[in-house]
Amino acid sequence: MDDVQAALRSVSAVLANAREGTADEQSLLDALATLRVLREHLAAWEPELITAARANATSWTALAPALGVASRQAAERRYLRLQPSSTGETTGEARVNAQRDRRAGDRAVADWARANSSLLRQLAGQISALPDLGPAANRLGAALGDDDPTALVKPLVDTRRHLTAQEHSHLADRLGDIATHTARLRRDAAAQRRDRSGP
């Protein structure tokens, strides 16, 4: 932090000289280079601090004024635009849209899972009782204990690759159907969200 304060003082001094018409070329170039470094630091610090605040249960509404924006939606949008992409989006706007698509898909799958809770729990019970599933059975058993049936979808689909024996092929097929159906729900929900929000 001392380095940042020193850099700010240095830039401020050069700026004062520039306003008086006494700054030389090299000091101006050095000040601009220092500003670039400071901007890079600030660009990295802001999303890190927002992430820490969110982990500390700070609401988007509380963050908005600190970020200089007017609404919780604008605060979240700013954060998403600053975040580096883990899925290949190259612009801030693409990251915002990708995150909103994922949320729309998550909601669609959650709605479907709740409407089909008994089917998912029955399948999870059958599969978790099978031998030789290893850690996959533990994850499925833990999800069975969750009140929200949405927690069952991923562990169920993940156990499919372990159902290699011929006598389990019908279970593997059912899990394949669930994987296909939930993927389609996600795609459709994302497309509907984009249609509603426009270009």
N, C-alpha and C. Protein backbone atom coordinates (compact mmCIF):
# COMPACT_ATOMS: atom_id res chain seq x y z
N MET A 1 0.83 -1.21 0.00
CA MET A 1 0.00 0.00 0.00
C MET A 1 0.87 1.26 0.00
N ASP A 2 2.04 1.19 0.67
CA ASP A 2 2.96 2.33 0.66
C ASP A 2 3.40 2.65 -0.76
N ASP A 3 3.65 1.59 -1.57
CA ASP A 3 4.07 1.79 -2.96
C ASP A 3 2.98 2.51 -3.75
N VAL A 4 1.72 2.14 -3.49
CA VAL A 4 0.61 2.77 -4.20
C VAL A 4 0.53 4.24 -3.83
N GLN A 5 0.66 4.54 -2.54
CA GLN A 5 0.60 5.93 -2.09
C GLN A 5 1.74 6.75 -2.68
N ALA A 6 2.92 6.14 -2.73
CA ALA A 6 4.07 6.84 -3.31
C ALA A 6 3.84 7.10 -4.79
N ALA A 7 3.27 6.11 -5.49
CA ALA A 7 2.99 6.27 -6.91
C ALA A 7 1.98 7.38 -7.15
N LEU A 8 0.93 7.41 -6.30
CA LEU A 8 -0.08 8.46 -6.44
C LEU A 8 0.52 9.85 -6.18
N ARG A 9 1.39 9.95 -5.18
CA ARG A 9 2.04 11.24 -4.89
C ARG A 9 2.90 11.68 -6.07
N SER A 10 3.62 10.72 -6.65
CA SER A 10 4.49 11.02 -7.79
C SER A 10 3.68 11.52 -8.98
N VAL A 11 2.59 10.82 -9.29
CA VAL A 11 1.73 11.22 -10.41
C VAL A 11 1.12 12.59 -10.13
N SER A 12 0.68 12.79 -8.90
CA SER A 12 0.07 14.07 -8.53
C SER A 12 1.05 15.23 -8.69
N ALA A 13 2.31 14.98 -8.32
CA ALA A 13 3.34 16.03 -8.46
C ALA A 13 3.58 16.36 -9.93
N VAL A 14 3.65 15.32 -10.77
CA VAL A 14 3.85 15.55 -12.20
C VAL A 14 2.65 16.30 -12.79
N LEU A 15 1.45 15.93 -12.35
CA LEU A 15 0.24 16.59 -12.83
C LEU A 15 0.24 18.07 -12.45
N ALA A 16 0.67 18.37 -11.23
CA ALA A 16 0.74 19.76 -10.79
C ALA A 16 1.73 20.54 -11.66
N ASN A 17 2.88 19.90 -11.98
CA ASN A 17 3.86 20.55 -12.86
C ASN A 17 3.29 20.75 -14.26
N ALA A 18 2.53 19.76 -14.73
CA ALA A 18 1.94 19.86 -16.07
C ALA A 18 0.97 21.03 -16.13
N ARG A 19 0.20 21.21 -15.07
CA ARG A 19 -0.76 22.32 -15.03
C ARG A 19 -0.06 23.68 -15.01
N GLU A 20 1.14 23.69 -14.46
CA GLU A 20 1.91 24.94 -14.42
C GLU A 20 2.76 25.10 -15.68
N GLY A 21 2.77 24.07 -16.52
CA GLY A 21 3.56 24.12 -17.75
C GLY A 21 5.04 23.86 -17.54
N THR A 22 5.40 23.20 -16.43
CA THR A 22 6.82 22.97 -16.13
C THR A 22 7.23 21.50 -16.19
N ALA A 23 6.30 20.62 -16.58
CA ALA A 23 6.63 19.18 -16.62
C ALA A 23 7.42 18.87 -17.88
N ASP A 24 8.50 18.06 -17.75
CA ASP A 24 9.27 17.66 -18.92
C ASP A 24 8.71 16.36 -19.51
N GLU A 25 9.13 16.04 -20.71
CA GLU A 25 8.59 14.89 -21.43
C GLU A 25 8.76 13.58 -20.66
N GLN A 26 9.95 13.36 -20.11
CA GLN A 26 10.21 12.09 -19.43
C GLN A 26 9.34 11.92 -18.18
N SER A 27 9.16 13.00 -17.43
CA SER A 27 8.34 12.88 -16.22
C SER A 27 6.88 12.59 -16.60
N LEU A 28 6.42 13.18 -17.70
CA LEU A 28 5.05 12.89 -18.15
C LEU A 28 4.91 11.44 -18.59
N LEU A 29 5.89 10.94 -19.34
CA LEU A 29 5.85 9.53 -19.77
C LEU A 29 5.91 8.59 -18.57
N ASP A 30 6.76 8.93 -17.61
CA ASP A 30 6.87 8.09 -16.40
C ASP A 30 5.55 8.09 -15.62
N ALA A 31 4.91 9.25 -15.54
CA ALA A 31 3.64 9.34 -14.82
C ALA A 31 2.56 8.52 -15.52
N LEU A 32 2.54 8.59 -16.85
CA LEU A 32 1.55 7.80 -17.61
C LEU A 32 1.80 6.30 -17.43
N ALA A 33 3.06 5.88 -17.42
CA ALA A 33 3.38 4.46 -17.20
C ALA A 33 2.96 4.02 -15.80
N THR A 34 3.17 4.92 -14.82
CA THR A 34 2.76 4.62 -13.44
C THR A 34 1.24 4.48 -13.36
N LEU A 35 0.52 5.38 -14.05
CA LEU A 35 -0.95 5.28 -14.07
C LEU A 35 -1.42 3.96 -14.67
N ARG A 36 -0.73 3.50 -15.73
CA ARG A 36 -1.11 2.23 -16.35
C ARG A 36 -0.97 1.08 -15.34
N VAL A 37 0.12 1.07 -14.60
CA VAL A 37 0.34 0.03 -13.58
C VAL A 37 -0.74 0.11 -12.50
N LEU A 38 -1.04 1.34 -12.07
CA LEU A 38 -2.08 1.51 -11.05
C LEU A 38 -3.43 1.01 -11.55
N ARG A 39 -3.76 1.32 -12.82
CA ARG A 39 -5.03 0.84 -13.39
C ARG A 39 -5.10 -0.68 -13.40
N GLU A 40 -3.98 -1.32 -13.73
CA GLU A 40 -3.94 -2.79 -13.74
C GLU A 40 -4.20 -3.34 -12.34
N HIS A 41 -3.57 -2.69 -11.33
CA HIS A 41 -3.80 -3.12 -9.94
C HIS A 41 -5.27 -2.93 -9.56
N LEU A 42 -5.81 -1.76 -9.87
CA LEU A 42 -7.21 -1.47 -9.52
C LEU A 42 -8.16 -2.44 -10.20
N ALA A 43 -7.88 -2.76 -11.46
CA ALA A 43 -8.75 -3.68 -12.20
C ALA A 43 -8.75 -5.07 -11.56
N ALA A 44 -7.63 -5.46 -10.97
CA ALA A 44 -7.56 -6.76 -10.30
C ALA A 44 -8.15 -6.70 -8.89
N TRP A 45 -7.97 -5.59 -8.21
CA TRP A 45 -8.43 -5.48 -6.82
C TRP A 45 -9.95 -5.40 -6.71
N GLU A 46 -10.58 -4.67 -7.61
CA GLU A 46 -12.03 -4.44 -7.46
C GLU A 46 -12.82 -5.75 -7.44
N PRO A 47 -12.66 -6.64 -8.44
CA PRO A 47 -13.45 -7.89 -8.36
C PRO A 47 -13.06 -8.76 -7.17
N GLU A 48 -11.80 -8.68 -6.76
CA GLU A 48 -11.37 -9.46 -5.59
C GLU A 48 -12.07 -8.97 -4.33
N LEU A 49 -12.15 -7.63 -4.19
CA LEU A 49 -12.83 -7.07 -3.03
C LEU A 49 -14.34 -7.34 -3.07
N ILE A 50 -14.94 -7.28 -4.25
CA ILE A 50 -16.37 -7.59 -4.37
C ILE A 50 -16.62 -9.04 -4.00
N THR A 51 -15.77 -9.94 -4.48
CA THR A 51 -15.90 -11.36 -4.15
C THR A 51 -15.82 -11.56 -2.64
N ALA A 52 -14.88 -10.87 -2.00
CA ALA A 52 -14.73 -10.99 -0.53
C ALA A 52 -15.97 -10.46 0.17
N ALA A 53 -16.51 -9.34 -0.32
CA ALA A 53 -17.71 -8.77 0.29
C ALA A 53 -18.89 -9.71 0.14
N ARG A 54 -19.04 -10.32 -1.05
CA ARG A 54 -20.14 -11.26 -1.27
C ARG A 54 -19.97 -12.50 -0.39
N ALA A 55 -18.73 -12.96 -0.24
CA ALA A 55 -18.48 -14.12 0.63
C ALA A 55 -18.81 -13.79 2.08
N ASN A 56 -18.77 -12.49 2.40
CA ASN A 56 -19.09 -12.02 3.75
C ASN A 56 -20.57 -11.67 3.88
N ALA A 57 -21.39 -12.13 2.90
CA ALA A 57 -22.85 -11.95 2.89
C ALA A 57 -23.29 -10.50 2.65
N THR A 58 -22.43 -9.69 2.03
CA THR A 58 -22.83 -8.33 1.66
C THR A 58 -23.75 -8.41 0.45
N SER A 59 -24.89 -7.73 0.50
CA SER A 59 -25.85 -7.79 -0.60
C SER A 59 -25.40 -6.92 -1.76
N TRP A 60 -25.91 -7.23 -2.96
CA TRP A 60 -25.64 -6.38 -4.12
C TRP A 60 -26.19 -4.97 -3.89
N THR A 61 -27.30 -4.87 -3.18
CA THR A 61 -27.90 -3.56 -2.89
C THR A 61 -26.94 -2.71 -2.06
N ALA A 62 -26.28 -3.33 -1.07
CA ALA A 62 -25.32 -2.59 -0.24
C ALA A 62 -24.06 -2.25 -1.03
N LEU A 63 -23.68 -3.11 -1.98
CA LEU A 63 -22.48 -2.85 -2.77
C LEU A 63 -22.66 -1.73 -3.79
N ALA A 64 -23.90 -1.55 -4.27
CA ALA A 64 -24.14 -0.61 -5.36
C ALA A 64 -23.56 0.79 -5.10
N PRO A 65 -23.88 1.44 -3.95
CA PRO A 65 -23.33 2.79 -3.75
C PRO A 65 -21.81 2.81 -3.64
N ALA A 66 -21.23 1.76 -3.05
CA ALA A 66 -19.77 1.71 -2.94
C ALA A 66 -19.12 1.62 -4.31
N LEU A 67 -19.82 1.01 -5.27
CA LEU A 67 -19.30 0.88 -6.63
C LEU A 67 -19.68 2.06 -7.52
N GLY A 68 -20.51 2.97 -6.97
CA GLY A 68 -20.90 4.13 -7.74
C GLY A 68 -21.96 3.85 -8.78
N VAL A 69 -22.79 2.82 -8.53
CA VAL A 69 -23.88 2.50 -9.46
C VAL A 69 -25.20 2.60 -8.71
N ALA A 70 -26.31 2.61 -9.48
CA ALA A 70 -27.60 2.96 -8.89
C ALA A 70 -28.44 1.79 -8.42
N SER A 71 -28.09 0.56 -8.81
CA SER A 71 -28.97 -0.56 -8.47
C SER A 71 -28.17 -1.82 -8.22
N ARG A 72 -28.84 -2.79 -7.61
CA ARG A 72 -28.20 -4.09 -7.37
C ARG A 72 -27.84 -4.77 -8.69
N GLN A 73 -28.71 -4.60 -9.70
CA GLN A 73 -28.45 -5.21 -11.00
C GLN A 73 -27.19 -4.60 -11.63
N ALA A 74 -27.06 -3.29 -11.50
CA ALA A 74 -25.88 -2.62 -12.06
C ALA A 74 -24.61 -3.03 -11.33
N ALA A 75 -24.72 -3.24 -10.02
CA ALA A 75 -23.55 -3.69 -9.25
C ALA A 75 -23.11 -5.07 -9.69
N GLU A 76 -24.07 -5.97 -9.84
CA GLU A 76 -23.71 -7.33 -10.27
C GLU A 76 -23.17 -7.32 -11.69
N ARG A 77 -23.76 -6.50 -12.53
CA ARG A 77 -23.31 -6.41 -13.92
C ARG A 77 -21.85 -5.90 -13.97
N ARG A 78 -21.55 -4.90 -13.16
CA ARG A 78 -20.18 -4.38 -13.12
C ARG A 78 -19.20 -5.48 -12.71
N TYR A 79 -19.57 -6.23 -11.68
CA TYR A 79 -18.72 -7.32 -11.20
C TYR A 79 -18.48 -8.35 -12.30
N LEU A 80 -19.54 -8.76 -12.98
CA LEU A 80 -19.40 -9.76 -14.03
C LEU A 80 -18.54 -9.25 -15.19
N ARG A 81 -18.66 -7.97 -15.48
CA ARG A 81 -17.86 -7.40 -16.56
C ARG A 81 -16.37 -7.38 -16.20
N LEU A 82 -16.07 -7.25 -14.90
CA LEU A 82 -14.68 -7.19 -14.45
C LEU A 82 -14.04 -8.56 -14.30
N GLN A 83 -14.87 -9.57 -14.06
CA GLN A 83 -14.37 -10.90 -13.79
C GLN A 83 -13.71 -11.52 -15.01
N PRO A 84 -12.56 -12.19 -14.85
CA PRO A 84 -12.01 -12.93 -15.98
C PRO A 84 -12.91 -14.12 -16.29
N SER A 85 -12.96 -14.50 -17.55
CA SER A 85 -13.83 -15.59 -17.97
C SER A 85 -13.15 -16.94 -17.73
N SER A 86 -13.92 -17.88 -17.21
CA SER A 86 -13.40 -19.25 -17.09
C SER A 86 -13.97 -20.13 -18.19
N THR A 87 -14.83 -19.56 -19.04
CA THR A 87 -15.48 -20.37 -20.08
C THR A 87 -15.31 -19.78 -21.47
N GLY A 88 -14.36 -18.87 -21.63
CA GLY A 88 -13.99 -18.44 -22.97
C GLY A 88 -14.61 -17.15 -23.49
N GLU A 89 -15.49 -16.49 -22.70
CA GLU A 89 -16.07 -15.24 -23.19
C GLU A 89 -14.97 -14.18 -23.25
N THR A 90 -14.96 -13.41 -24.34
CA THR A 90 -13.86 -12.47 -24.55
C THR A 90 -14.17 -11.05 -24.13
N THR A 91 -15.44 -10.73 -23.89
CA THR A 91 -15.78 -9.37 -23.47
C THR A 91 -16.58 -9.41 -22.17
N GLY A 92 -16.60 -8.25 -21.50
CA GLY A 92 -17.37 -8.16 -20.26
C GLY A 92 -18.85 -8.42 -20.51
N GLU A 93 -19.36 -7.89 -21.62
CA GLU A 93 -20.79 -8.08 -21.93
C GLU A 93 -21.09 -9.55 -22.18
N ALA A 94 -20.18 -10.24 -22.84
CA ALA A 94 -20.37 -11.69 -23.08
C ALA A 94 -20.39 -12.45 -21.76
N ARG A 95 -19.55 -12.03 -20.79
CA ARG A 95 -19.54 -12.69 -19.48
C ARG A 95 -20.85 -12.46 -18.75
N VAL A 96 -21.39 -11.24 -18.85
CA VAL A 96 -22.69 -10.95 -18.23
C VAL A 96 -23.76 -11.86 -18.83
N ASN A 97 -23.80 -11.93 -20.15
CA ASN A 97 -24.83 -12.75 -20.81
C ASN A 97 -24.65 -14.23 -20.51
N ALA A 98 -23.41 -14.71 -20.48
CA ALA A 98 -23.17 -16.12 -20.18
C ALA A 98 -23.63 -16.47 -18.77
N GLN A 99 -23.35 -15.56 -17.81
CA GLN A 99 -23.77 -15.81 -16.44
C GLN A 99 -25.29 -15.82 -16.34
N ARG A 100 -25.95 -14.91 -17.03
CA ARG A 100 -27.41 -14.87 -17.00
C ARG A 100 -28.01 -16.09 -17.68
N ASP A 101 -27.38 -16.56 -18.75
CA ASP A 101 -27.83 -17.80 -19.40
C ASP A 101 -27.72 -18.98 -18.43
N ARG A 102 -26.58 -19.04 -17.71
CA ARG A 102 -26.39 -20.15 -16.75
C ARG A 102 -27.46 -20.10 -15.66
N ARG A 103 -27.76 -18.91 -15.18
CA ARG A 103 -28.77 -18.80 -14.12
C ARG A 103 -30.15 -19.19 -14.63
N ALA A 104 -30.47 -18.77 -15.85
CA ALA A 104 -31.76 -19.16 -16.43
C ALA A 104 -31.83 -20.67 -16.56
N GLY A 105 -30.74 -21.28 -17.01
CA GLY A 105 -30.69 -22.75 -17.12
C GLY A 105 -30.81 -23.43 -15.77
N ASP A 106 -30.10 -22.88 -14.77
CA ASP A 106 -30.18 -23.44 -13.42
C ASP A 106 -31.61 -23.40 -12.88
N ARG A 107 -32.30 -22.28 -13.12
CA ARG A 107 -33.69 -22.17 -12.64
C ARG A 107 -34.59 -23.20 -13.34
N ALA A 108 -34.40 -23.37 -14.65
CA ALA A 108 -35.23 -24.32 -15.39
C ALA A 108 -35.00 -25.75 -14.89
N VAL A 109 -33.74 -26.10 -14.66
CA VAL A 109 -33.43 -27.45 -14.18
C VAL A 109 -33.97 -27.63 -12.76
N ALA A 110 -33.84 -26.59 -11.92
CA ALA A 110 -34.35 -26.68 -10.54
C ALA A 110 -35.86 -26.88 -10.54
N ASP A 111 -36.57 -26.15 -11.40
CA ASP A 111 -38.02 -26.30 -11.48
C ASP A 111 -38.40 -27.73 -11.90
N TRP A 112 -37.67 -28.24 -12.90
CA TRP A 112 -37.94 -29.61 -13.38
C TRP A 112 -37.63 -30.62 -12.27
N ALA A 113 -36.51 -30.43 -11.58
CA ALA A 113 -36.12 -31.39 -10.53
C ALA A 113 -37.15 -31.41 -9.41
N ARG A 114 -37.67 -30.26 -9.04
CA ARG A 114 -38.67 -30.21 -7.97
C ARG A 114 -39.97 -30.87 -8.41
N ALA A 115 -40.32 -30.70 -9.68
CA ALA A 115 -41.54 -31.33 -10.20
C ALA A 115 -41.37 -32.84 -10.34
N ASN A 116 -40.13 -33.31 -10.42
CA ASN A 116 -39.85 -34.74 -10.60
C ASN A 116 -39.05 -35.31 -9.43
N SER A 117 -39.28 -34.74 -8.27
CA SER A 117 -38.52 -35.12 -7.08
C SER A 117 -38.60 -36.61 -6.77
N SER A 118 -39.80 -37.18 -6.84
CA SER A 118 -39.95 -38.59 -6.46
C SER A 118 -39.20 -39.49 -7.43
N LEU A 119 -39.22 -39.19 -8.72
CA LEU A 119 -38.47 -39.97 -9.70
C LEU A 119 -36.97 -39.91 -9.41
N LEU A 120 -36.46 -38.70 -9.16
CA LEU A 120 -35.03 -38.54 -8.90
C LEU A 120 -34.62 -39.26 -7.63
N ARG A 121 -35.44 -39.17 -6.59
CA ARG A 121 -35.09 -39.84 -5.33
C ARG A 121 -35.15 -41.36 -5.47
N GLN A 122 -36.11 -41.84 -6.23
CA GLN A 122 -36.20 -43.28 -6.46
C GLN A 122 -34.96 -43.79 -7.20
N LEU A 123 -34.58 -43.09 -8.26
CA LEU A 123 -33.38 -43.48 -9.02
C LEU A 123 -32.13 -43.42 -8.14
N ALA A 124 -32.01 -42.33 -7.38
CA ALA A 124 -30.84 -42.16 -6.51
C ALA A 124 -30.78 -43.28 -5.48
N GLY A 125 -31.92 -43.68 -4.93
CA GLY A 125 -31.95 -44.78 -3.96
C GLY A 125 -31.50 -46.08 -4.59
N GLN A 126 -31.99 -46.37 -5.80
CA GLN A 126 -31.60 -47.60 -6.49
C GLN A 126 -30.10 -47.62 -6.79
N ILE A 127 -29.61 -46.51 -7.30
CA ILE A 127 -28.21 -46.48 -7.74
C ILE A 127 -27.25 -46.45 -6.55
N SER A 128 -27.59 -45.71 -5.50
CA SER A 128 -26.67 -45.64 -4.37
C SER A 128 -26.56 -46.98 -3.64
N ALA A 129 -27.53 -47.86 -3.84
CA ALA A 129 -27.47 -49.19 -3.21
C ALA A 129 -26.60 -50.17 -4.00
N LEU A 130 -26.19 -49.80 -5.20
CA LEU A 130 -25.38 -50.69 -6.03
C LEU A 130 -23.96 -50.79 -5.48
N PRO A 131 -23.32 -51.95 -5.63
CA PRO A 131 -21.93 -52.08 -5.19
C PRO A 131 -20.97 -51.44 -6.20
N ASP A 132 -19.77 -51.18 -5.74
CA ASP A 132 -18.66 -50.77 -6.62
C ASP A 132 -18.84 -49.41 -7.28
N LEU A 133 -19.58 -48.51 -6.67
CA LEU A 133 -19.69 -47.16 -7.23
C LEU A 133 -18.65 -46.22 -6.62
N GLY A 134 -18.04 -46.65 -5.52
CA GLY A 134 -16.98 -45.87 -4.90
C GLY A 134 -17.45 -44.51 -4.43
N PRO A 135 -16.61 -43.45 -4.63
CA PRO A 135 -16.95 -42.11 -4.16
C PRO A 135 -18.23 -41.56 -4.79
N ALA A 136 -18.57 -42.03 -6.01
CA ALA A 136 -19.79 -41.56 -6.66
C ALA A 136 -21.01 -41.89 -5.81
N ALA A 137 -21.00 -43.08 -5.17
CA ALA A 137 -22.11 -43.48 -4.31
C ALA A 137 -22.19 -42.57 -3.08
N ASN A 138 -21.03 -42.18 -2.55
CA ASN A 138 -21.02 -41.28 -1.39
C ASN A 138 -21.61 -39.92 -1.73
N ARG A 139 -21.22 -39.39 -2.90
CA ARG A 139 -21.76 -38.10 -3.33
C ARG A 139 -23.27 -38.19 -3.56
N LEU A 140 -23.71 -39.30 -4.13
CA LEU A 140 -25.13 -39.48 -4.39
C LEU A 140 -25.89 -39.62 -3.07
N GLY A 141 -25.32 -40.36 -2.13
CA GLY A 141 -25.95 -40.52 -0.82
C GLY A 141 -26.07 -39.20 -0.09
N ALA A 142 -25.02 -38.36 -0.19
CA ALA A 142 -25.07 -37.05 0.45
C ALA A 142 -26.16 -36.19 -0.19
N ALA A 143 -26.29 -36.25 -1.52
CA ALA A 143 -27.32 -35.47 -2.22
C ALA A 143 -28.71 -35.95 -1.85
N LEU A 144 -28.86 -37.25 -1.60
CA LEU A 144 -30.17 -37.79 -1.19
C LEU A 144 -30.62 -37.20 0.12
N GLY A 145 -29.68 -36.84 0.97
CA GLY A 145 -30.01 -36.25 2.26
C GLY A 145 -30.38 -34.78 2.19
N ASP A 146 -30.19 -34.17 1.01
CA ASP A 146 -30.52 -32.75 0.84
C ASP A 146 -32.03 -32.60 0.63
N ASP A 147 -32.62 -31.59 1.24
CA ASP A 147 -34.05 -31.35 1.07
C ASP A 147 -34.42 -30.93 -0.35
N ASP A 148 -33.48 -30.32 -1.06
CA ASP A 148 -33.75 -29.83 -2.41
C ASP A 148 -33.37 -30.90 -3.43
N PRO A 149 -34.33 -31.41 -4.20
CA PRO A 149 -34.02 -32.47 -5.17
C PRO A 149 -33.11 -32.00 -6.29
N THR A 150 -32.94 -30.68 -6.45
CA THR A 150 -32.02 -30.16 -7.46
C THR A 150 -30.61 -30.68 -7.21
N ALA A 151 -30.28 -30.91 -5.94
CA ALA A 151 -28.94 -31.39 -5.58
C ALA A 151 -28.66 -32.79 -6.12
N LEU A 152 -29.71 -33.51 -6.53
CA LEU A 152 -29.54 -34.87 -7.02
C LEU A 152 -29.12 -34.94 -8.49
N VAL A 153 -29.42 -33.91 -9.26
CA VAL A 153 -29.26 -34.01 -10.71
C VAL A 153 -27.82 -34.31 -11.11
N LYS A 154 -26.87 -33.49 -10.68
CA LYS A 154 -25.48 -33.69 -11.11
C LYS A 154 -24.90 -35.00 -10.59
N PRO A 155 -25.04 -35.33 -9.29
CA PRO A 155 -24.48 -36.60 -8.83
C PRO A 155 -25.10 -37.81 -9.53
N LEU A 156 -26.40 -37.72 -9.86
CA LEU A 156 -27.02 -38.82 -10.60
C LEU A 156 -26.37 -38.98 -11.97
N VAL A 157 -26.30 -37.90 -12.70
CA VAL A 157 -25.73 -37.96 -14.06
C VAL A 157 -24.27 -38.41 -13.99
N ASP A 158 -23.54 -37.97 -12.97
CA ASP A 158 -22.12 -38.33 -12.84
C ASP A 158 -21.92 -39.82 -12.60
N THR A 159 -22.93 -40.50 -12.01
CA THR A 159 -22.76 -41.94 -11.75
C THR A 159 -22.95 -42.78 -13.01
N ARG A 160 -23.44 -42.18 -14.08
CA ARG A 160 -23.76 -42.95 -15.28
C ARG A 160 -22.55 -43.74 -15.80
N ARG A 161 -21.37 -43.11 -15.79
CA ARG A 161 -20.19 -43.79 -16.34
C ARG A 161 -19.77 -45.00 -15.51
N HIS A 162 -20.28 -45.10 -14.28
CA HIS A 162 -19.94 -46.24 -13.42
C HIS A 162 -20.88 -47.43 -13.65
N LEU A 163 -21.97 -47.19 -14.35
CA LEU A 163 -22.97 -48.26 -14.56
C LEU A 163 -22.64 -49.02 -15.84
N THR A 164 -21.53 -49.73 -15.80
CA THR A 164 -21.04 -50.40 -17.01
C THR A 164 -21.58 -51.82 -17.15
N ALA A 165 -21.99 -52.43 -16.06
CA ALA A 165 -22.47 -53.82 -16.14
C ALA A 165 -23.78 -53.89 -16.94
N GLN A 166 -23.95 -54.98 -17.67
CA GLN A 166 -25.13 -55.14 -18.53
C GLN A 166 -26.43 -55.03 -17.74
N GLU A 167 -26.44 -55.55 -16.53
CA GLU A 167 -27.69 -55.53 -15.75
C GLU A 167 -28.07 -54.12 -15.28
N HIS A 168 -27.15 -53.17 -15.42
CA HIS A 168 -27.44 -51.80 -15.02
C HIS A 168 -27.68 -50.89 -16.22
N SER A 169 -27.75 -51.47 -17.42
CA SER A 169 -27.85 -50.63 -18.63
C SER A 169 -29.14 -49.81 -18.64
N HIS A 170 -30.23 -50.36 -18.08
CA HIS A 170 -31.49 -49.59 -18.07
C HIS A 170 -31.37 -48.35 -17.19
N LEU A 171 -30.61 -48.47 -16.08
CA LEU A 171 -30.38 -47.30 -15.23
C LEU A 171 -29.50 -46.28 -15.94
N ALA A 172 -28.48 -46.78 -16.63
CA ALA A 172 -27.60 -45.88 -17.38
C ALA A 172 -28.39 -45.14 -18.46
N ASP A 173 -29.31 -45.85 -19.12
CA ASP A 173 -30.14 -45.21 -20.15
C ASP A 173 -31.02 -44.12 -19.55
N ARG A 174 -31.59 -44.39 -18.38
CA ARG A 174 -32.45 -43.37 -17.74
C ARG A 174 -31.64 -42.14 -17.36
N LEU A 175 -30.42 -42.37 -16.88
CA LEU A 175 -29.56 -41.24 -16.53
C LEU A 175 -29.15 -40.46 -17.79
N GLY A 176 -28.94 -41.18 -18.88
CA GLY A 176 -28.65 -40.51 -20.15
C GLY A 176 -29.80 -39.63 -20.59
N ASP A 177 -31.02 -40.14 -20.40
CA ASP A 177 -32.21 -39.34 -20.74
C ASP A 177 -32.28 -38.08 -19.89
N ILE A 178 -31.96 -38.21 -18.59
CA ILE A 178 -31.98 -37.06 -17.69
C ILE A 178 -30.93 -36.03 -18.13
N ALA A 179 -29.73 -36.51 -18.46
CA ALA A 179 -28.66 -35.60 -18.90
C ALA A 179 -29.08 -34.85 -20.16
N THR A 180 -29.67 -35.57 -21.11
CA THR A 180 -30.11 -34.95 -22.37
C THR A 180 -31.22 -33.93 -22.10
N HIS A 181 -32.17 -34.33 -21.25
CA HIS A 181 -33.31 -33.46 -20.98
C HIS A 181 -32.89 -32.19 -20.26
N THR A 182 -32.03 -32.32 -19.25
CA THR A 182 -31.62 -31.12 -18.50
C THR A 182 -30.75 -30.22 -19.36
N ALA A 183 -29.93 -30.79 -20.25
CA ALA A 183 -29.15 -29.96 -21.16
C ALA A 183 -30.07 -29.18 -22.09
N ARG A 184 -31.14 -29.83 -22.56
CA ARG A 184 -32.10 -29.13 -23.43
C ARG A 184 -32.83 -28.03 -22.66
N LEU A 185 -33.19 -28.32 -21.40
CA LEU A 185 -33.83 -27.30 -20.57
C LEU A 185 -32.94 -26.07 -20.44
N ARG A 186 -31.65 -26.30 -20.23
CA ARG A 186 -30.71 -25.18 -20.09
C ARG A 186 -30.63 -24.37 -21.38
N ARG A 187 -30.51 -25.06 -22.51
CA ARG A 187 -30.42 -24.35 -23.79
C ARG A 187 -31.69 -23.54 -24.06
N ASP A 188 -32.85 -24.18 -23.83
CA ASP A 188 -34.12 -23.49 -24.10
C ASP A 188 -34.31 -22.28 -23.19
N ALA A 189 -33.95 -22.45 -21.91
CA ALA A 189 -34.11 -21.34 -20.96
C ALA A 189 -33.21 -20.17 -21.34
N ALA A 190 -31.97 -20.49 -21.77
CA ALA A 190 -31.05 -19.42 -22.18
C ALA A 190 -31.58 -18.72 -23.43
N ALA A 191 -32.10 -19.48 -24.38
CA ALA A 191 -32.63 -18.89 -25.61
C ALA A 191 -33.84 -18.00 -25.29
N GLN A 192 -34.71 -18.46 -24.41
CA GLN A 192 -35.88 -17.66 -24.03
C GLN A 192 -35.46 -16.38 -23.33
N ARG A 193 -34.44 -16.46 -22.47
CA ARG A 193 -33.96 -15.27 -21.79
C ARG A 193 -33.43 -14.26 -22.79
N ARG A 194 -32.66 -14.74 -23.77
CA ARG A 194 -32.12 -13.83 -24.79
C ARG A 194 -33.23 -13.22 -25.64
N ASP A 195 -34.26 -14.02 -25.96
CA ASP A 195 -35.40 -13.50 -26.74
C ASP A 195 -36.12 -12.38 -25.99
N ARG A 196 -36.27 -12.58 -24.65
CA ARG A 196 -36.97 -11.57 -23.86
C ARG A 196 -36.17 -10.30 -23.71
N SER A 197 -34.82 -10.46 -23.57
CA SER A 197 -34.00 -9.27 -23.33
C SER A 197 -33.64 -8.54 -24.61
N GLY A 198 -33.81 -9.20 -25.75
CA GLY A 198 -33.53 -8.56 -27.03
C GLY A 198 -32.05 -8.55 -27.34
N PRO A 199 -31.69 -8.00 -28.51
CA PRO A 199 -30.29 -8.00 -28.94
C PRO A 199 -29.42 -7.11 -28.07
